[in-house]
Amino acid sequence: MPRDTNPSGSIFGGWTLSQMDLAGATLAGEHAAGRVATVSIEAMRFLRPVSVGDEVSCYCTLQEARESSLVVKIETWARERGGRPAEKVTEGVFTYVATGEDGRPRDVAPQAKQENGS
């Protein structure tokens, strides 16, 4: 949408970052079997602009499960209108902490640690 763009017509990096955070939190929440909160973003790289109308996809990989946190690598790919091949536009490493109903950190579900080999 126009409110998500800069004067050159490219999507703001913050919009892309928010989509990545939503995707990563979904994966982390599944592995943690509950609520998670974003605690850090590392190694964020913007490789090329995303234009209005591009189809955007986020791909997430669980890199590590710790006592109460999960580290997720997220790549964002965009495909221009007209069916051109998708290109990687951003990548980053996001860390989420599993939280209880009280908002305090809690242990990650045992299955997440086993899946990650921790």
N, C-alpha and C. Protein backbone atom coordinates (compact mmCIF):
# COMPACT_ATOMS: atom_id res chain seq x y z
N MET A 1 0.85 -1.18 0.00
CA MET A 1 0.00 0.00 0.00
C MET A 1 0.90 1.24 0.00
N PRO A 2 0.39 2.35 -0.50
CA PRO A 2 1.22 3.57 -0.56
C PRO A 2 1.81 4.00 0.77
N ARG A 3 1.12 3.78 1.88
CA ARG A 3 1.66 4.21 3.17
C ARG A 3 2.88 3.39 3.59
N ASP A 4 3.10 2.26 2.91
CA ASP A 4 4.22 1.38 3.22
C ASP A 4 5.43 1.62 2.32
N THR A 5 5.39 2.71 1.52
CA THR A 5 6.47 2.93 0.56
C THR A 5 7.21 4.24 0.82
N ASN A 6 8.42 4.28 0.28
CA ASN A 6 9.19 5.52 0.31
C ASN A 6 8.89 6.30 -0.97
N PRO A 7 9.42 7.51 -1.12
CA PRO A 7 9.12 8.31 -2.31
C PRO A 7 9.54 7.66 -3.64
N SER A 8 10.47 6.71 -3.59
CA SER A 8 10.91 6.03 -4.82
C SER A 8 10.00 4.87 -5.20
N GLY A 9 9.02 4.56 -4.36
CA GLY A 9 8.10 3.47 -4.67
C GLY A 9 8.53 2.11 -4.16
N SER A 10 9.58 2.07 -3.36
CA SER A 10 10.00 0.81 -2.75
C SER A 10 9.36 0.66 -1.38
N ILE A 11 9.14 -0.57 -1.00
CA ILE A 11 8.55 -0.87 0.31
C ILE A 11 9.55 -0.51 1.40
N PHE A 12 9.07 0.11 2.48
CA PHE A 12 9.93 0.41 3.63
C PHE A 12 10.51 -0.88 4.20
N GLY A 13 11.77 -0.81 4.60
CA GLY A 13 12.41 -1.96 5.23
C GLY A 13 11.69 -2.40 6.48
N GLY A 14 11.10 -1.46 7.22
CA GLY A 14 10.36 -1.81 8.43
C GLY A 14 9.16 -2.68 8.16
N TRP A 15 8.50 -2.48 7.03
CA TRP A 15 7.36 -3.33 6.66
C TRP A 15 7.85 -4.75 6.42
N THR A 16 8.95 -4.87 5.67
CA THR A 16 9.51 -6.19 5.39
C THR A 16 9.94 -6.86 6.68
N LEU A 17 10.59 -6.11 7.55
CA LEU A 17 11.03 -6.63 8.84
C LEU A 17 9.84 -7.15 9.66
N SER A 18 8.72 -6.43 9.64
CA SER A 18 7.55 -6.87 10.41
C SER A 18 6.98 -8.17 9.85
N GLN A 19 7.01 -8.34 8.53
CA GLN A 19 6.53 -9.60 7.94
C GLN A 19 7.44 -10.75 8.34
N MET A 20 8.75 -10.50 8.37
CA MET A 20 9.70 -11.52 8.79
C MET A 20 9.46 -11.90 10.26
N ASP A 21 9.23 -10.90 11.09
CA ASP A 21 9.00 -11.15 12.51
C ASP A 21 7.73 -11.98 12.72
N LEU A 22 6.68 -11.68 11.98
CA LEU A 22 5.45 -12.47 12.07
C LEU A 22 5.69 -13.93 11.67
N ALA A 23 6.41 -14.13 10.59
CA ALA A 23 6.69 -15.49 10.12
C ALA A 23 7.57 -16.24 11.12
N GLY A 24 8.61 -15.58 11.61
CA GLY A 24 9.52 -16.23 12.56
C GLY A 24 8.83 -16.55 13.88
N ALA A 25 7.98 -15.66 14.35
CA ALA A 25 7.25 -15.90 15.60
C ALA A 25 6.29 -17.06 15.46
N THR A 26 5.73 -17.23 14.28
CA THR A 26 4.83 -18.36 14.04
C THR A 26 5.59 -19.68 14.18
N LEU A 27 6.77 -19.76 13.53
CA LEU A 27 7.58 -20.98 13.64
C LEU A 27 8.04 -21.20 15.08
N ALA A 28 8.54 -20.14 15.72
CA ALA A 28 9.04 -20.27 17.10
C ALA A 28 7.91 -20.68 18.04
N GLY A 29 6.73 -20.10 17.87
CA GLY A 29 5.59 -20.44 18.71
C GLY A 29 5.17 -21.89 18.57
N GLU A 30 5.25 -22.41 17.34
CA GLU A 30 4.93 -23.82 17.12
C GLU A 30 5.91 -24.71 17.86
N HIS A 31 7.21 -24.39 17.75
CA HIS A 31 8.23 -25.21 18.41
C HIS A 31 8.20 -25.05 19.93
N ALA A 32 7.84 -23.86 20.41
CA ALA A 32 7.79 -23.61 21.85
C ALA A 32 6.47 -24.06 22.45
N ALA A 33 5.53 -24.44 21.62
CA ALA A 33 4.19 -24.86 22.06
C ALA A 33 3.53 -23.77 22.91
N GLY A 34 3.61 -22.54 22.43
CA GLY A 34 2.98 -21.45 23.16
C GLY A 34 3.48 -20.09 22.73
N ARG A 35 3.27 -19.12 23.59
CA ARG A 35 3.61 -17.74 23.30
C ARG A 35 5.11 -17.51 23.22
N VAL A 36 5.51 -16.59 22.34
CA VAL A 36 6.90 -16.17 22.24
C VAL A 36 6.94 -14.66 22.05
N ALA A 37 8.08 -14.07 22.38
CA ALA A 37 8.31 -12.65 22.16
C ALA A 37 9.68 -12.48 21.51
N THR A 38 9.78 -11.53 20.59
CA THR A 38 11.04 -11.24 19.93
C THR A 38 11.97 -10.54 20.91
N VAL A 39 13.22 -11.04 21.02
CA VAL A 39 14.17 -10.39 21.92
C VAL A 39 15.36 -9.79 21.19
N SER A 40 15.66 -10.28 19.98
CA SER A 40 16.75 -9.66 19.23
C SER A 40 16.66 -10.03 17.75
N ILE A 41 17.29 -9.17 16.96
CA ILE A 41 17.43 -9.41 15.53
C ILE A 41 18.90 -9.17 15.22
N GLU A 42 19.53 -10.18 14.63
CA GLU A 42 20.96 -10.09 14.32
C GLU A 42 21.18 -10.26 12.82
N ALA A 43 22.28 -9.76 12.37
CA ALA A 43 22.74 -10.02 11.00
C ALA A 43 21.69 -9.71 9.95
N MET A 44 20.92 -8.65 10.15
CA MET A 44 19.89 -8.28 9.18
C MET A 44 20.55 -7.68 7.95
N ARG A 45 20.17 -8.19 6.78
CA ARG A 45 20.72 -7.66 5.53
C ARG A 45 19.59 -7.41 4.55
N PHE A 46 19.60 -6.23 3.95
CA PHE A 46 18.66 -5.90 2.89
C PHE A 46 19.45 -5.99 1.58
N LEU A 47 19.08 -6.93 0.72
CA LEU A 47 19.86 -7.21 -0.48
C LEU A 47 19.39 -6.44 -1.71
N ARG A 48 18.09 -6.21 -1.81
CA ARG A 48 17.55 -5.41 -2.90
C ARG A 48 16.19 -4.88 -2.49
N PRO A 49 15.74 -3.79 -3.11
CA PRO A 49 14.43 -3.23 -2.74
C PRO A 49 13.28 -4.14 -3.15
N VAL A 50 12.18 -4.01 -2.43
CA VAL A 50 10.93 -4.68 -2.76
C VAL A 50 10.00 -3.61 -3.31
N SER A 51 9.40 -3.87 -4.46
CA SER A 51 8.51 -2.90 -5.10
C SER A 51 7.06 -3.19 -4.76
N VAL A 52 6.23 -2.17 -4.84
CA VAL A 52 4.79 -2.35 -4.67
C VAL A 52 4.32 -3.34 -5.73
N GLY A 53 3.55 -4.33 -5.31
CA GLY A 53 3.04 -5.34 -6.22
C GLY A 53 3.84 -6.62 -6.25
N ASP A 54 5.06 -6.60 -5.68
CA ASP A 54 5.85 -7.83 -5.62
C ASP A 54 5.16 -8.85 -4.71
N GLU A 55 5.29 -10.11 -5.06
CA GLU A 55 4.84 -11.20 -4.19
C GLU A 55 5.97 -11.51 -3.24
N VAL A 56 5.71 -11.45 -1.94
CA VAL A 56 6.74 -11.62 -0.91
C VAL A 56 6.49 -12.91 -0.13
N SER A 57 7.55 -13.70 0.06
CA SER A 57 7.46 -14.93 0.83
C SER A 57 8.60 -14.98 1.83
N CYS A 58 8.31 -15.41 3.06
CA CYS A 58 9.31 -15.56 4.11
C CYS A 58 9.50 -17.04 4.41
N TYR A 59 10.75 -17.46 4.47
CA TYR A 59 11.09 -18.85 4.75
C TYR A 59 11.91 -18.89 6.04
N CYS A 60 11.49 -19.74 6.96
CA CYS A 60 12.09 -19.78 8.30
C CYS A 60 12.71 -21.14 8.58
N THR A 61 13.85 -21.11 9.26
CA THR A 61 14.54 -22.33 9.68
C THR A 61 14.93 -22.17 11.14
N LEU A 62 14.55 -23.15 11.96
CA LEU A 62 14.98 -23.14 13.36
C LEU A 62 16.45 -23.50 13.41
N GLN A 63 17.27 -22.56 13.92
CA GLN A 63 18.71 -22.81 14.01
C GLN A 63 19.13 -23.38 15.34
N GLU A 64 18.46 -22.96 16.40
CA GLU A 64 18.87 -23.39 17.74
C GLU A 64 17.71 -23.24 18.71
N ALA A 65 17.59 -24.21 19.62
CA ALA A 65 16.63 -24.13 20.72
C ALA A 65 17.45 -24.17 22.01
N ARG A 66 17.29 -23.13 22.81
CA ARG A 66 18.01 -23.02 24.09
C ARG A 66 17.02 -23.25 25.22
N GLU A 67 17.45 -22.95 26.44
CA GLU A 67 16.59 -23.18 27.61
C GLU A 67 15.21 -22.52 27.47
N SER A 68 15.20 -21.23 27.15
CA SER A 68 13.92 -20.54 27.02
C SER A 68 13.80 -19.77 25.70
N SER A 69 14.76 -19.95 24.80
CA SER A 69 14.72 -19.18 23.56
C SER A 69 14.93 -20.04 22.33
N LEU A 70 14.52 -19.48 21.20
CA LEU A 70 14.65 -20.14 19.91
C LEU A 70 15.28 -19.15 18.93
N VAL A 71 16.23 -19.62 18.16
CA VAL A 71 16.91 -18.80 17.17
C VAL A 71 16.42 -19.24 15.79
N VAL A 72 15.90 -18.29 15.02
CA VAL A 72 15.29 -18.59 13.73
C VAL A 72 15.97 -17.77 12.63
N LYS A 73 16.45 -18.44 11.59
CA LYS A 73 16.97 -17.74 10.41
C LYS A 73 15.79 -17.53 9.47
N ILE A 74 15.66 -16.30 8.97
CA ILE A 74 14.55 -15.96 8.09
C ILE A 74 15.09 -15.35 6.81
N GLU A 75 14.66 -15.90 5.68
CA GLU A 75 14.97 -15.35 4.37
C GLU A 75 13.67 -14.85 3.75
N THR A 76 13.73 -13.69 3.13
CA THR A 76 12.57 -13.15 2.42
C THR A 76 12.90 -13.10 0.94
N TRP A 77 12.00 -13.64 0.15
CA TRP A 77 12.14 -13.67 -1.30
C TRP A 77 10.99 -12.89 -1.91
N ALA A 78 11.26 -12.22 -3.01
CA ALA A 78 10.22 -11.46 -3.71
C ALA A 78 10.25 -11.81 -5.19
N ARG A 79 9.06 -11.84 -5.75
CA ARG A 79 8.91 -12.10 -7.18
C ARG A 79 8.18 -10.92 -7.78
N GLU A 80 8.77 -10.34 -8.80
CA GLU A 80 8.15 -9.20 -9.48
C GLU A 80 6.92 -9.65 -10.25
N ARG A 81 6.06 -8.69 -10.51
CA ARG A 81 4.91 -8.97 -11.37
C ARG A 81 5.40 -9.47 -12.72
N GLY A 82 4.62 -10.31 -13.34
CA GLY A 82 5.01 -10.83 -14.65
C GLY A 82 5.63 -12.20 -14.58
N GLY A 83 5.67 -12.80 -13.39
CA GLY A 83 6.13 -14.17 -13.27
C GLY A 83 7.62 -14.39 -13.32
N ARG A 84 8.42 -13.35 -13.16
CA ARG A 84 9.86 -13.53 -13.14
C ARG A 84 10.26 -14.39 -11.94
N PRO A 85 11.44 -15.02 -12.01
CA PRO A 85 11.87 -15.84 -10.86
C PRO A 85 12.03 -14.99 -9.60
N ALA A 86 11.77 -15.60 -8.45
CA ALA A 86 11.93 -14.92 -7.16
C ALA A 86 13.41 -14.69 -6.87
N GLU A 87 13.69 -13.60 -6.14
CA GLU A 87 15.04 -13.28 -5.70
C GLU A 87 15.03 -13.05 -4.19
N LYS A 88 16.12 -13.45 -3.53
CA LYS A 88 16.23 -13.19 -2.10
C LYS A 88 16.43 -11.69 -1.91
N VAL A 89 15.59 -11.07 -1.04
CA VAL A 89 15.67 -9.63 -0.82
C VAL A 89 16.16 -9.26 0.57
N THR A 90 15.93 -10.11 1.55
CA THR A 90 16.44 -9.87 2.90
C THR A 90 16.72 -11.19 3.58
N GLU A 91 17.53 -11.12 4.63
CA GLU A 91 17.76 -12.26 5.50
C GLU A 91 18.17 -11.73 6.86
N GLY A 92 17.87 -12.51 7.88
CA GLY A 92 18.23 -12.12 9.23
C GLY A 92 18.07 -13.28 10.19
N VAL A 93 18.62 -13.10 11.37
CA VAL A 93 18.52 -14.11 12.43
C VAL A 93 17.78 -13.46 13.59
N PHE A 94 16.65 -14.04 13.95
CA PHE A 94 15.77 -13.52 14.99
C PHE A 94 15.80 -14.47 16.18
N THR A 95 15.83 -13.92 17.39
CA THR A 95 15.76 -14.73 18.60
C THR A 95 14.46 -14.41 19.32
N TYR A 96 13.74 -15.46 19.68
CA TYR A 96 12.47 -15.36 20.40
C TYR A 96 12.61 -16.04 21.74
N VAL A 97 11.94 -15.52 22.75
CA VAL A 97 11.91 -16.17 24.05
C VAL A 97 10.50 -16.69 24.29
N ALA A 98 10.42 -17.92 24.78
CA ALA A 98 9.13 -18.50 25.13
C ALA A 98 8.64 -17.83 26.41
N THR A 99 7.38 -17.43 26.45
CA THR A 99 6.83 -16.76 27.63
C THR A 99 5.58 -17.47 28.11
N GLY A 100 5.38 -17.39 29.41
CA GLY A 100 4.16 -17.93 30.00
C GLY A 100 3.06 -16.88 29.96
N GLU A 101 1.91 -17.23 30.49
CA GLU A 101 0.78 -16.31 30.52
C GLU A 101 1.11 -15.04 31.30
N ASP A 102 2.06 -15.14 32.23
CA ASP A 102 2.47 -13.97 33.02
C ASP A 102 3.49 -13.09 32.31
N GLY A 103 3.90 -13.48 31.07
CA GLY A 103 4.85 -12.70 30.31
C GLY A 103 6.30 -12.97 30.66
N ARG A 104 6.55 -13.87 31.60
CA ARG A 104 7.92 -14.20 32.01
C ARG A 104 8.46 -15.38 31.19
N PRO A 105 9.78 -15.43 31.00
CA PRO A 105 10.36 -16.55 30.25
C PRO A 105 10.01 -17.89 30.88
N ARG A 106 9.85 -18.87 30.03
CA ARG A 106 9.59 -20.24 30.47
C ARG A 106 10.43 -21.18 29.62
N ASP A 107 10.59 -22.39 30.08
CA ASP A 107 11.37 -23.37 29.33
C ASP A 107 10.70 -23.66 27.99
N VAL A 108 11.54 -23.85 26.98
CA VAL A 108 11.05 -24.24 25.66
C VAL A 108 10.57 -25.67 25.75
N ALA A 109 9.54 -25.99 25.01
CA ALA A 109 9.02 -27.35 25.00
C ALA A 109 10.13 -28.35 24.70
N PRO A 110 10.17 -29.47 25.42
CA PRO A 110 11.24 -30.46 25.21
C PRO A 110 11.38 -30.91 23.77
N GLN A 111 10.27 -31.02 23.03
CA GLN A 111 10.36 -31.48 21.64
C GLN A 111 11.15 -30.51 20.77
N ALA A 112 11.10 -29.23 21.06
CA ALA A 112 11.87 -28.24 20.27
C ALA A 112 13.36 -28.47 20.48
N LYS A 113 13.76 -28.75 21.72
CA LYS A 113 15.18 -28.99 22.00
C LYS A 113 15.65 -30.28 21.31
N GLN A 114 14.79 -31.31 21.33
CA GLN A 114 15.16 -32.58 20.70
C GLN A 114 15.25 -32.44 19.19
N GLU A 115 14.30 -31.71 18.58
CA GLU A 115 14.32 -31.50 17.13
C GLU A 115 15.59 -30.78 16.70
N ASN A 116 16.10 -29.93 17.56
CA ASN A 116 17.28 -29.13 17.23
C ASN A 116 18.57 -29.83 17.69
N GLY A 117 18.46 -30.94 18.39
CA GLY A 117 19.63 -31.65 18.85
C GLY A 117 20.28 -31.04 20.07
N SER A 118 19.56 -30.17 20.79
CA SER A 118 20.12 -29.54 22.00
C SER A 118 19.89 -30.41 23.20
